[in-house]
N, C-alpha and C. Protein backbone atom coordinates (compact mmCIF):
# COMPACT_ATOMS: atom_id res chain seq x y z
N MET A 1 7.78 138.21 82.46
CA MET A 1 9.02 138.67 81.88
C MET A 1 9.54 137.57 80.96
N ILE A 2 9.93 137.95 79.75
CA ILE A 2 10.51 137.01 78.79
C ILE A 2 12.01 137.24 78.76
N THR A 3 12.77 136.26 79.24
CA THR A 3 14.22 136.37 79.32
C THR A 3 14.84 135.28 78.47
N THR A 4 15.85 135.66 77.68
CA THR A 4 16.52 134.70 76.81
C THR A 4 18.02 134.72 77.11
N PRO A 5 18.52 133.74 77.88
CA PRO A 5 19.97 133.65 78.06
C PRO A 5 20.58 133.09 76.79
N HIS A 6 21.72 133.58 76.40
CA HIS A 6 22.38 133.08 75.20
C HIS A 6 23.83 132.74 75.55
N PRO A 7 24.11 131.46 75.78
CA PRO A 7 25.44 131.07 76.25
C PRO A 7 26.57 131.41 75.28
N ALA A 8 26.32 131.37 73.98
CA ALA A 8 27.40 131.64 73.02
C ALA A 8 27.91 133.07 73.16
N GLY A 9 27.00 134.01 73.37
CA GLY A 9 27.41 135.40 73.50
C GLY A 9 27.63 135.80 74.94
N GLY A 10 27.25 134.93 75.90
CA GLY A 10 27.40 135.26 77.31
C GLY A 10 26.48 136.38 77.75
N LEU A 11 25.41 136.63 76.98
CA LEU A 11 24.52 137.75 77.25
C LEU A 11 23.13 137.24 77.57
N THR A 12 22.38 138.03 78.32
CA THR A 12 20.98 137.75 78.58
C THR A 12 20.18 138.89 77.99
N ARG A 13 19.10 138.53 77.30
CA ARG A 13 18.23 139.53 76.68
C ARG A 13 16.84 139.43 77.28
N VAL A 14 16.23 140.58 77.58
CA VAL A 14 14.87 140.63 78.10
C VAL A 14 14.04 141.40 77.08
N THR A 15 13.11 140.69 76.44
CA THR A 15 12.27 141.35 75.44
C THR A 15 11.01 141.95 76.03
N ALA A 16 10.58 141.43 77.18
CA ALA A 16 9.35 141.94 77.78
C ALA A 16 9.48 141.98 79.30
N PRO A 17 10.09 143.03 79.87
CA PRO A 17 10.12 143.16 81.32
C PRO A 17 8.70 143.29 81.86
N GLU A 18 8.50 142.84 83.08
CA GLU A 18 7.17 142.91 83.68
C GLU A 18 6.67 144.35 83.68
N GLY A 19 5.44 144.55 83.17
CA GLY A 19 4.82 145.86 83.16
C GLY A 19 5.22 146.73 81.97
N VAL A 20 6.03 146.19 81.05
CA VAL A 20 6.46 146.94 79.87
C VAL A 20 5.98 146.18 78.64
N ALA A 21 5.41 146.89 77.68
CA ALA A 21 4.95 146.24 76.45
C ALA A 21 6.12 145.57 75.75
N PRO A 22 5.91 144.37 75.19
CA PRO A 22 7.00 143.68 74.50
C PRO A 22 7.58 144.54 73.37
N GLY A 23 8.88 144.46 73.20
CA GLY A 23 9.54 145.16 72.11
C GLY A 23 9.27 144.45 70.80
N THR A 24 9.13 145.20 69.74
CA THR A 24 8.96 144.63 68.41
C THR A 24 10.25 144.88 67.64
N GLY A 25 11.04 143.83 67.46
CA GLY A 25 12.28 143.98 66.71
C GLY A 25 13.46 144.46 67.53
N TYR A 26 13.38 144.36 68.84
CA TYR A 26 14.51 144.72 69.70
C TYR A 26 14.28 144.11 71.07
N SER A 27 15.32 144.10 71.89
CA SER A 27 15.22 143.68 73.29
C SER A 27 15.21 144.93 74.16
N HIS A 28 14.39 144.94 75.20
CA HIS A 28 14.37 146.10 76.11
C HIS A 28 15.64 146.18 76.94
N VAL A 29 16.16 145.02 77.35
CA VAL A 29 17.32 144.99 78.25
C VAL A 29 18.27 143.90 77.78
N VAL A 30 19.56 144.19 77.79
CA VAL A 30 20.59 143.19 77.48
C VAL A 30 21.71 143.40 78.47
N TRP A 31 22.21 142.28 79.07
CA TRP A 31 23.34 142.41 79.98
C TRP A 31 24.27 141.23 79.82
N GLY A 32 25.48 141.45 80.28
CA GLY A 32 26.49 140.41 80.26
C GLY A 32 27.69 140.88 81.06
N THR A 33 28.67 140.01 81.20
CA THR A 33 29.91 140.38 81.86
C THR A 33 31.05 140.11 80.90
N GLY A 34 32.06 140.93 80.96
CA GLY A 34 33.19 140.74 80.07
C GLY A 34 33.77 142.06 79.62
N ARG A 35 34.33 142.06 78.41
CA ARG A 35 35.00 143.24 77.86
C ARG A 35 34.01 144.07 77.04
N PHE A 36 33.90 145.35 77.37
CA PHE A 36 33.00 146.27 76.69
C PHE A 36 33.66 146.79 75.42
N VAL A 37 32.90 146.84 74.33
CA VAL A 37 33.39 147.35 73.04
C VAL A 37 32.42 148.42 72.56
N ALA A 38 32.93 149.60 72.25
CA ALA A 38 32.11 150.68 71.68
C ALA A 38 32.56 150.90 70.24
N VAL A 39 31.60 150.91 69.33
CA VAL A 39 31.88 151.15 67.92
C VAL A 39 31.24 152.48 67.53
N SER A 40 32.06 153.39 67.05
CA SER A 40 31.56 154.70 66.62
C SER A 40 30.50 154.53 65.54
N GLY A 41 29.65 155.55 65.42
CA GLY A 41 28.63 155.53 64.38
C GLY A 41 29.23 155.29 63.02
N GLN A 42 28.67 154.32 62.32
CA GLN A 42 29.15 153.97 60.99
C GLN A 42 28.15 154.47 59.95
N CYS A 43 28.70 155.04 58.88
CA CYS A 43 27.90 155.52 57.76
C CYS A 43 28.20 154.66 56.55
N ALA A 44 27.55 154.94 55.44
CA ALA A 44 27.66 154.13 54.23
C ALA A 44 28.88 154.53 53.39
N PHE A 45 30.05 154.52 54.01
CA PHE A 45 31.29 154.80 53.30
C PHE A 45 31.97 153.49 52.95
N ASP A 46 32.49 153.39 51.71
CA ASP A 46 33.28 152.22 51.35
C ASP A 46 34.71 152.41 51.83
N GLU A 47 35.59 151.48 51.47
CA GLU A 47 36.98 151.53 51.94
C GLU A 47 37.73 152.78 51.49
N GLU A 48 37.30 153.40 50.40
CA GLU A 48 37.95 154.61 49.89
C GLU A 48 37.32 155.88 50.44
N GLY A 49 36.26 155.73 51.23
CA GLY A 49 35.59 156.90 51.79
C GLY A 49 34.48 157.46 50.92
N ASP A 50 34.10 156.71 49.86
CA ASP A 50 33.01 157.14 49.00
C ASP A 50 31.68 156.64 49.54
N VAL A 51 30.62 157.42 49.35
CA VAL A 51 29.29 157.02 49.82
C VAL A 51 28.74 155.94 48.90
N VAL A 52 28.22 154.88 49.51
CA VAL A 52 27.59 153.78 48.80
C VAL A 52 26.08 153.97 48.86
N GLY A 53 25.39 153.78 47.74
CA GLY A 53 23.94 153.76 47.74
C GLY A 53 23.27 155.11 47.93
N GLU A 54 23.76 156.13 47.27
CA GLU A 54 23.14 157.45 47.41
C GLU A 54 21.64 157.37 47.09
N GLY A 55 20.81 157.84 48.02
CA GLY A 55 19.37 157.84 47.83
C GLY A 55 18.68 156.51 48.10
N ASP A 56 19.43 155.48 48.49
CA ASP A 56 18.89 154.13 48.69
C ASP A 56 19.19 153.67 50.12
N ALA A 57 18.17 153.73 50.98
CA ALA A 57 18.36 153.41 52.40
C ALA A 57 18.82 151.97 52.60
N ALA A 58 18.30 151.02 51.84
CA ALA A 58 18.70 149.61 51.99
C ALA A 58 20.16 149.42 51.60
N ALA A 59 20.58 150.01 50.51
CA ALA A 59 21.98 149.88 50.08
C ALA A 59 22.91 150.52 51.11
N GLN A 60 22.51 151.67 51.64
CA GLN A 60 23.33 152.31 52.66
C GLN A 60 23.37 151.45 53.92
N ALA A 61 22.24 150.87 54.30
CA ALA A 61 22.21 150.02 55.49
C ALA A 61 23.12 148.81 55.32
N ARG A 62 23.14 148.20 54.13
CA ARG A 62 24.03 147.06 53.90
C ARG A 62 25.49 147.47 54.12
N GLN A 63 25.88 148.65 53.63
CA GLN A 63 27.25 149.12 53.82
C GLN A 63 27.52 149.43 55.28
N VAL A 64 26.55 150.05 55.94
CA VAL A 64 26.70 150.38 57.36
C VAL A 64 26.91 149.11 58.18
N PHE A 65 26.08 148.09 57.95
CA PHE A 65 26.22 146.86 58.73
C PHE A 65 27.50 146.10 58.37
N GLU A 66 27.97 146.22 57.14
CA GLU A 66 29.26 145.62 56.79
C GLU A 66 30.38 146.36 57.53
N ASN A 67 30.30 147.68 57.60
CA ASN A 67 31.30 148.45 58.34
C ASN A 67 31.26 148.09 59.83
N LEU A 68 30.04 147.95 60.38
CA LEU A 68 29.93 147.53 61.78
C LEU A 68 30.55 146.15 61.98
N ARG A 69 30.27 145.22 61.07
CA ARG A 69 30.84 143.87 61.16
C ARG A 69 32.36 143.93 61.20
N ARG A 70 32.94 144.73 60.32
CA ARG A 70 34.41 144.84 60.27
C ARG A 70 34.96 145.48 61.54
N CYS A 71 34.28 146.48 62.07
CA CYS A 71 34.73 147.13 63.31
C CYS A 71 34.63 146.17 64.49
N LEU A 72 33.52 145.45 64.57
CA LEU A 72 33.36 144.47 65.65
C LEU A 72 34.44 143.40 65.55
N ALA A 73 34.71 142.92 64.33
CA ALA A 73 35.73 141.88 64.13
C ALA A 73 37.10 142.36 64.58
N ALA A 74 37.38 143.65 64.40
CA ALA A 74 38.67 144.21 64.84
C ALA A 74 38.85 144.07 66.34
N ALA A 75 37.72 143.99 67.07
CA ALA A 75 37.77 143.83 68.54
C ALA A 75 37.57 142.37 68.94
N GLY A 76 37.48 141.46 67.96
CA GLY A 76 37.24 140.06 68.26
C GLY A 76 35.78 139.76 68.55
N ALA A 77 34.89 140.65 68.13
CA ALA A 77 33.46 140.51 68.41
C ALA A 77 32.68 140.27 67.12
N GLY A 78 31.43 139.89 67.30
CA GLY A 78 30.50 139.73 66.19
C GLY A 78 29.15 140.30 66.60
N PHE A 79 28.19 140.23 65.70
CA PHE A 79 26.87 140.77 66.01
C PHE A 79 26.22 140.05 67.20
N GLU A 80 26.63 138.80 67.46
CA GLU A 80 26.05 138.09 68.61
C GLU A 80 26.45 138.72 69.93
N HIS A 81 27.48 139.57 69.93
CA HIS A 81 27.94 140.23 71.15
C HIS A 81 27.35 141.62 71.34
N VAL A 82 26.62 142.12 70.35
CA VAL A 82 26.08 143.48 70.40
C VAL A 82 24.96 143.56 71.42
N VAL A 83 25.06 144.53 72.33
CA VAL A 83 24.03 144.73 73.35
C VAL A 83 23.17 145.95 73.06
N LYS A 84 23.66 146.87 72.23
CA LYS A 84 22.91 148.11 71.95
C LYS A 84 23.26 148.64 70.58
N LEU A 85 22.24 148.99 69.81
CA LEU A 85 22.41 149.71 68.55
C LEU A 85 21.64 151.01 68.65
N THR A 86 22.23 152.09 68.15
CA THR A 86 21.53 153.36 68.05
C THR A 86 21.52 153.75 66.59
N TYR A 87 20.31 153.98 66.07
CA TYR A 87 20.12 154.35 64.67
C TYR A 87 19.84 155.84 64.59
N PHE A 88 20.56 156.52 63.74
CA PHE A 88 20.32 157.92 63.44
C PHE A 88 19.91 157.96 61.97
N VAL A 89 18.68 158.37 61.70
CA VAL A 89 18.18 158.39 60.33
C VAL A 89 17.67 159.79 59.99
N THR A 90 17.83 160.17 58.74
CA THR A 90 17.36 161.48 58.32
C THR A 90 15.85 161.48 58.07
N ASP A 91 15.25 160.28 58.01
CA ASP A 91 13.81 160.15 57.84
C ASP A 91 13.41 158.81 58.44
N VAL A 92 12.46 158.80 59.37
CA VAL A 92 12.05 157.54 59.99
C VAL A 92 11.45 156.57 58.96
N ALA A 93 11.08 157.05 57.80
CA ALA A 93 10.58 156.19 56.73
C ALA A 93 11.65 155.20 56.26
N HIS A 94 12.92 155.47 56.57
CA HIS A 94 14.01 154.56 56.19
C HIS A 94 14.11 153.36 57.13
N LEU A 95 13.48 153.42 58.30
CA LEU A 95 13.66 152.36 59.30
C LEU A 95 13.25 150.96 58.83
N PRO A 96 12.16 150.77 58.10
CA PRO A 96 11.86 149.40 57.64
C PRO A 96 12.98 148.80 56.79
N ALA A 97 13.58 149.58 55.92
CA ALA A 97 14.69 149.08 55.09
C ALA A 97 15.90 148.77 55.96
N VAL A 98 16.17 149.62 56.93
CA VAL A 98 17.31 149.40 57.83
C VAL A 98 17.08 148.14 58.66
N ARG A 99 15.88 147.97 59.19
CA ARG A 99 15.58 146.77 59.99
C ARG A 99 15.66 145.50 59.16
N ALA A 100 15.24 145.56 57.90
CA ALA A 100 15.31 144.38 57.03
C ALA A 100 16.76 143.95 56.84
N VAL A 101 17.66 144.90 56.66
CA VAL A 101 19.08 144.58 56.52
C VAL A 101 19.62 144.07 57.84
N ARG A 102 19.26 144.71 58.94
CA ARG A 102 19.68 144.23 60.26
C ARG A 102 19.28 142.78 60.47
N ASP A 103 18.07 142.44 60.05
CA ASP A 103 17.57 141.07 60.23
C ASP A 103 18.35 140.06 59.39
N GLU A 104 19.06 140.52 58.38
CA GLU A 104 19.92 139.63 57.58
C GLU A 104 21.20 139.27 58.32
N VAL A 105 21.62 140.10 59.26
CA VAL A 105 22.90 139.89 59.94
C VAL A 105 22.79 139.57 61.43
N ILE A 106 21.63 139.84 62.02
CA ILE A 106 21.42 139.55 63.45
C ILE A 106 20.22 138.63 63.58
N ALA A 107 20.44 137.48 64.20
CA ALA A 107 19.36 136.50 64.39
C ALA A 107 18.27 137.09 65.26
N PRO A 108 17.00 136.71 65.02
CA PRO A 108 15.89 137.28 65.79
C PRO A 108 15.97 137.02 67.29
N ASP A 109 16.64 135.94 67.71
CA ASP A 109 16.76 135.67 69.14
C ASP A 109 17.95 136.39 69.77
N LEU A 110 18.70 137.16 68.97
CA LEU A 110 19.87 137.89 69.47
C LEU A 110 19.71 139.40 69.32
N LEU A 111 18.49 139.87 69.18
CA LEU A 111 18.29 141.30 68.96
C LEU A 111 18.75 142.11 70.17
N PRO A 112 19.55 143.15 69.92
CA PRO A 112 20.05 143.99 71.01
C PRO A 112 19.00 145.02 71.43
N ALA A 113 19.29 145.71 72.51
CA ALA A 113 18.52 146.90 72.85
C ALA A 113 18.76 147.91 71.73
N SER A 114 17.79 148.75 71.44
CA SER A 114 17.93 149.67 70.31
C SER A 114 17.21 150.97 70.57
N SER A 115 17.74 152.02 69.93
CA SER A 115 17.08 153.32 69.91
C SER A 115 17.17 153.85 68.49
N ALA A 116 16.14 154.55 68.05
CA ALA A 116 16.14 155.17 66.73
C ALA A 116 15.81 156.65 66.89
N VAL A 117 16.59 157.48 66.22
CA VAL A 117 16.42 158.92 66.33
C VAL A 117 16.42 159.51 64.93
N GLN A 118 15.41 160.34 64.64
CA GLN A 118 15.43 161.07 63.38
C GLN A 118 16.23 162.35 63.60
N VAL A 119 17.16 162.60 62.70
CA VAL A 119 18.03 163.77 62.81
C VAL A 119 17.83 164.66 61.58
N ALA A 120 18.15 165.94 61.74
CA ALA A 120 18.00 166.89 60.63
C ALA A 120 19.01 166.62 59.52
N ALA A 121 20.20 166.18 59.90
CA ALA A 121 21.24 165.93 58.90
C ALA A 121 22.35 165.10 59.52
N LEU A 122 23.14 164.48 58.65
CA LEU A 122 24.34 163.77 59.07
C LEU A 122 25.55 164.53 58.50
N VAL A 123 26.73 163.97 58.64
CA VAL A 123 27.96 164.68 58.29
C VAL A 123 28.03 165.05 56.79
N ARG A 124 27.36 164.28 55.93
CA ARG A 124 27.30 164.58 54.50
C ARG A 124 25.84 164.51 54.06
N PRO A 125 25.41 165.40 53.18
CA PRO A 125 23.98 165.46 52.83
C PRO A 125 23.45 164.20 52.14
N GLU A 126 24.28 163.43 51.48
CA GLU A 126 23.81 162.23 50.79
C GLU A 126 23.65 161.02 51.72
N LEU A 127 24.09 161.15 52.97
CA LEU A 127 23.95 160.06 53.93
C LEU A 127 22.55 160.04 54.53
N LEU A 128 21.96 158.85 54.59
CA LEU A 128 20.60 158.68 55.10
C LEU A 128 20.58 158.11 56.52
N LEU A 129 21.67 157.45 56.94
CA LEU A 129 21.67 156.83 58.26
C LEU A 129 23.08 156.66 58.80
N GLU A 130 23.13 156.53 60.11
CA GLU A 130 24.36 156.23 60.84
C GLU A 130 23.94 155.31 61.98
N VAL A 131 24.78 154.30 62.26
CA VAL A 131 24.45 153.35 63.32
C VAL A 131 25.69 153.15 64.19
N GLU A 132 25.51 153.28 65.52
CA GLU A 132 26.58 152.99 66.47
C GLU A 132 26.22 151.73 67.23
N ALA A 133 27.25 151.05 67.74
CA ALA A 133 27.03 149.78 68.43
C ALA A 133 27.86 149.70 69.71
N PHE A 134 27.27 149.03 70.70
CA PHE A 134 27.98 148.65 71.91
C PHE A 134 27.89 147.13 72.01
N ALA A 135 29.01 146.51 72.37
CA ALA A 135 29.05 145.05 72.47
C ALA A 135 29.74 144.68 73.78
N VAL A 136 29.48 143.45 74.23
CA VAL A 136 30.16 142.91 75.39
C VAL A 136 30.65 141.52 75.01
N LEU A 137 31.98 141.36 75.11
CA LEU A 137 32.59 140.06 74.86
C LEU A 137 32.65 139.27 76.17
N PRO A 138 32.43 137.96 76.12
CA PRO A 138 32.48 137.17 77.35
C PRO A 138 33.82 137.31 78.07
N ALA A 139 33.77 137.24 79.38
CA ALA A 139 34.98 137.37 80.20
C ALA A 139 35.91 136.18 79.95
């Protein structure tokens, strides 16, 4: 089992539980104690509610992660506190671009547990992805 305690975030991450293939680009298990924060799924909307990056998964991902950053900050949290991300994409082909942007904002040793789901559609047809986050702030 590969376990990474991270004192700054007060979280422990397990990338390879015994008997489970190691995760590539995510942690299988993350736990901590403290205040739980749930962030609703964020889409590529700017401050005025306009879609950013129509047709461009990387541009939309940058806006999504900026929106997540702002939502986490409103709770006094940062990406180092995130324990779970759920990606909803209209095409799994967008995942490499989304992961590349994620890697710009989340250090490789702080990767949360993650799930990715391909969906038929999101709330607006020009949206390519939505990402929700769960975080735990230290007690």
